[in-house]
């Protein structure tokens, strides 16, 4: 287990969730809220998946 990679991945996934829900509160004020949330969902989804992959590799990898 590589604890630093696990913590970094979990933090990245948490920040992606916070970004998504933070932008969801701002979306109604936008000129095109649907397009904005599509972009926000794409970005936060990519960051969240990257964070989860980091957690999985951190757990699965053997420490040297």
N, C-alpha and C. Protein backbone atom coordinates (compact mmCIF):
# COMPACT_ATOMS: atom_id res chain seq x y z
N UNK A 1 0.83 -1.19 0.00
CA UNK A 1 0.00 0.00 0.00
C UNK A 1 0.87 1.25 0.00
N UNK A 2 0.49 2.17 -0.79
CA UNK A 2 1.19 3.45 -0.86
C UNK A 2 0.23 4.52 -0.33
N UNK A 3 0.41 4.88 0.92
CA UNK A 3 -0.54 5.76 1.60
C UNK A 3 -0.63 7.14 0.96
N UNK A 4 0.49 7.66 0.46
CA UNK A 4 0.46 9.01 -0.14
C UNK A 4 -0.41 9.04 -1.39
N UNK A 5 -0.33 8.00 -2.20
CA UNK A 5 -1.14 7.94 -3.42
C UNK A 5 -2.62 7.78 -3.05
N UNK A 6 -2.91 7.01 -2.04
CA UNK A 6 -4.29 6.80 -1.60
C UNK A 6 -4.89 8.11 -1.09
N UNK A 7 -4.16 8.82 -0.26
CA UNK A 7 -4.67 10.08 0.31
C UNK A 7 -4.84 11.12 -0.79
N UNK A 8 -3.88 11.20 -1.71
CA UNK A 8 -3.98 12.16 -2.81
C UNK A 8 -5.17 11.84 -3.71
N UNK A 9 -5.38 10.57 -4.01
CA UNK A 9 -6.52 10.18 -4.84
C UNK A 9 -7.85 10.47 -4.16
N UNK A 10 -7.93 10.19 -2.87
CA UNK A 10 -9.17 10.47 -2.14
C UNK A 10 -9.43 11.97 -2.07
N UNK A 11 -8.37 12.76 -1.88
CA UNK A 11 -8.54 14.21 -1.86
C UNK A 11 -8.99 14.73 -3.22
N UNK A 12 -8.43 14.19 -4.29
CA UNK A 12 -8.81 14.61 -5.63
C UNK A 12 -10.28 14.28 -5.91
N UNK A 13 -10.71 13.08 -5.51
CA UNK A 13 -12.11 12.71 -5.71
C UNK A 13 -13.03 13.59 -4.86
N UNK A 14 -12.63 13.90 -3.65
CA UNK A 14 -13.42 14.79 -2.80
C UNK A 14 -13.52 16.20 -3.36
N UNK A 15 -12.42 16.70 -3.89
CA UNK A 15 -12.45 18.03 -4.50
C UNK A 15 -13.30 18.05 -5.76
N UNK A 16 -13.31 16.96 -6.49
CA UNK A 16 -14.16 16.88 -7.68
C UNK A 16 -15.64 16.94 -7.29
N UNK A 17 -16.00 16.24 -6.23
CA UNK A 17 -17.38 16.30 -5.75
C UNK A 17 -17.73 17.70 -5.26
N UNK A 18 -16.82 18.31 -4.52
CA UNK A 18 -17.07 19.67 -4.02
C UNK A 18 -17.21 20.66 -5.17
N UNK A 19 -16.39 20.50 -6.20
CA UNK A 19 -16.48 21.37 -7.38
C UNK A 19 -17.82 21.20 -8.07
N UNK A 20 -18.26 19.95 -8.24
CA UNK A 20 -19.53 19.69 -8.91
C UNK A 20 -20.69 20.33 -8.15
N UNK A 21 -20.77 20.07 -6.85
CA UNK A 21 -21.90 20.60 -6.08
C UNK A 21 -21.79 22.11 -5.88
N UNK A 22 -20.57 22.64 -5.83
CA UNK A 22 -20.40 24.09 -5.74
C UNK A 22 -20.87 24.78 -7.00
N UNK A 23 -20.54 24.21 -8.15
CA UNK A 23 -20.97 24.79 -9.41
C UNK A 23 -22.47 24.60 -9.64
N UNK A 24 -23.04 23.55 -9.06
CA UNK A 24 -24.49 23.33 -9.20
C UNK A 24 -25.28 24.44 -8.52
N UNK A 25 -24.72 25.03 -7.49
CA UNK A 25 -25.42 26.14 -6.83
C UNK A 25 -25.34 27.42 -7.66
N UNK A 26 -24.31 27.54 -8.50
CA UNK A 26 -24.13 28.73 -9.32
C UNK A 26 -24.85 28.59 -10.67
N UNK A 27 -25.12 27.38 -11.11
CA UNK A 27 -25.66 27.13 -12.45
C UNK A 27 -26.96 27.86 -12.76
N UNK A 28 -27.91 27.98 -11.85
CA UNK A 28 -29.15 28.67 -12.22
C UNK A 28 -28.96 30.13 -12.64
N UNK A 29 -27.87 30.75 -12.22
CA UNK A 29 -27.62 32.14 -12.59
C UNK A 29 -26.94 32.27 -13.95
N UNK A 30 -26.54 31.14 -14.54
CA UNK A 30 -25.83 31.17 -15.82
C UNK A 30 -26.79 31.42 -16.98
N UNK A 31 -26.25 31.91 -18.10
CA UNK A 31 -27.06 32.11 -19.30
C UNK A 31 -27.52 30.79 -19.90
N UNK A 32 -26.66 29.76 -19.81
CA UNK A 32 -26.99 28.43 -20.34
C UNK A 32 -26.61 27.39 -19.29
N UNK A 33 -27.49 27.16 -18.31
CA UNK A 33 -27.14 26.26 -17.22
C UNK A 33 -26.91 24.81 -17.65
N UNK A 34 -27.61 24.38 -18.70
CA UNK A 34 -27.45 22.99 -19.15
C UNK A 34 -26.05 22.76 -19.70
N UNK A 35 -25.60 23.65 -20.55
CA UNK A 35 -24.26 23.52 -21.13
C UNK A 35 -23.19 23.65 -20.05
N UNK A 36 -23.43 24.54 -19.11
CA UNK A 36 -22.46 24.72 -18.03
C UNK A 36 -22.33 23.45 -17.20
N UNK A 37 -23.47 22.84 -16.84
CA UNK A 37 -23.42 21.63 -16.03
C UNK A 37 -22.88 20.44 -16.81
N UNK A 38 -23.05 20.42 -18.13
CA UNK A 38 -22.43 19.36 -18.92
C UNK A 38 -20.91 19.47 -18.85
N UNK A 39 -20.41 20.68 -18.98
CA UNK A 39 -18.97 20.89 -18.89
C UNK A 39 -18.45 20.58 -17.49
N UNK A 40 -19.15 21.05 -16.49
CA UNK A 40 -18.75 20.80 -15.11
C UNK A 40 -18.78 19.31 -14.81
N UNK A 41 -19.79 18.61 -15.30
CA UNK A 41 -19.88 17.17 -15.08
C UNK A 41 -18.75 16.42 -15.75
N UNK A 42 -18.38 16.85 -16.94
CA UNK A 42 -17.27 16.21 -17.64
C UNK A 42 -15.96 16.40 -16.88
N UNK A 43 -15.70 17.62 -16.45
CA UNK A 43 -14.45 17.91 -15.74
C UNK A 43 -14.41 17.22 -14.39
N UNK A 44 -15.48 17.34 -13.62
CA UNK A 44 -15.47 16.73 -12.29
C UNK A 44 -15.51 15.20 -12.38
N UNK A 45 -16.16 14.67 -13.39
CA UNK A 45 -16.16 13.22 -13.58
C UNK A 45 -14.77 12.70 -13.91
N UNK A 46 -14.07 13.41 -14.77
CA UNK A 46 -12.70 13.01 -15.10
C UNK A 46 -11.78 13.07 -13.90
N UNK A 47 -11.88 14.13 -13.12
CA UNK A 47 -11.04 14.27 -11.92
C UNK A 47 -11.41 13.22 -10.87
N UNK A 48 -12.71 12.95 -10.74
CA UNK A 48 -13.14 11.95 -9.77
C UNK A 48 -12.67 10.56 -10.12
N UNK A 49 -12.76 10.21 -11.40
CA UNK A 49 -12.29 8.89 -11.85
C UNK A 49 -10.79 8.78 -11.68
N UNK A 50 -10.06 9.84 -11.99
CA UNK A 50 -8.61 9.83 -11.79
C UNK A 50 -8.27 9.61 -10.32
N UNK A 51 -9.01 10.26 -9.44
CA UNK A 51 -8.79 10.07 -8.01
C UNK A 51 -9.07 8.65 -7.56
N UNK A 52 -10.16 8.07 -8.07
CA UNK A 52 -10.48 6.69 -7.70
C UNK A 52 -9.45 5.71 -8.23
N UNK A 53 -8.95 5.95 -9.44
CA UNK A 53 -7.90 5.09 -9.99
C UNK A 53 -6.63 5.19 -9.16
N UNK A 54 -6.32 6.39 -8.69
CA UNK A 54 -5.15 6.55 -7.82
C UNK A 54 -5.33 5.77 -6.52
N UNK A 55 -6.53 5.78 -5.97
CA UNK A 55 -6.79 5.02 -4.74
C UNK A 55 -6.61 3.53 -5.00
N UNK A 56 -7.16 3.05 -6.11
CA UNK A 56 -7.06 1.61 -6.42
C UNK A 56 -5.60 1.21 -6.62
N UNK A 57 -4.84 1.99 -7.38
CA UNK A 57 -3.44 1.66 -7.58
C UNK A 57 -2.62 1.82 -6.31
N UNK A 58 -3.00 2.75 -5.47
CA UNK A 58 -2.30 2.90 -4.18
C UNK A 58 -2.53 1.72 -3.27
N UNK A 59 -3.71 1.15 -3.30
CA UNK A 59 -4.02 -0.02 -2.47
C UNK A 59 -3.38 -1.27 -3.06
N UNK A 60 -3.42 -1.40 -4.39
CA UNK A 60 -2.97 -2.63 -5.04
C UNK A 60 -1.45 -2.72 -5.15
N UNK A 61 -0.77 -1.59 -5.18
CA UNK A 61 0.67 -1.61 -5.41
C UNK A 61 1.42 -2.00 -4.14
N UNK A 62 2.44 -2.81 -4.35
CA UNK A 62 3.28 -3.21 -3.22
C UNK A 62 4.34 -2.15 -2.97
N UNK A 63 4.62 -1.92 -1.72
CA UNK A 63 5.64 -0.94 -1.36
C UNK A 63 7.01 -1.61 -1.45
N UNK A 64 7.97 -0.90 -2.02
CA UNK A 64 9.31 -1.50 -2.18
C UNK A 64 10.16 -1.31 -0.96
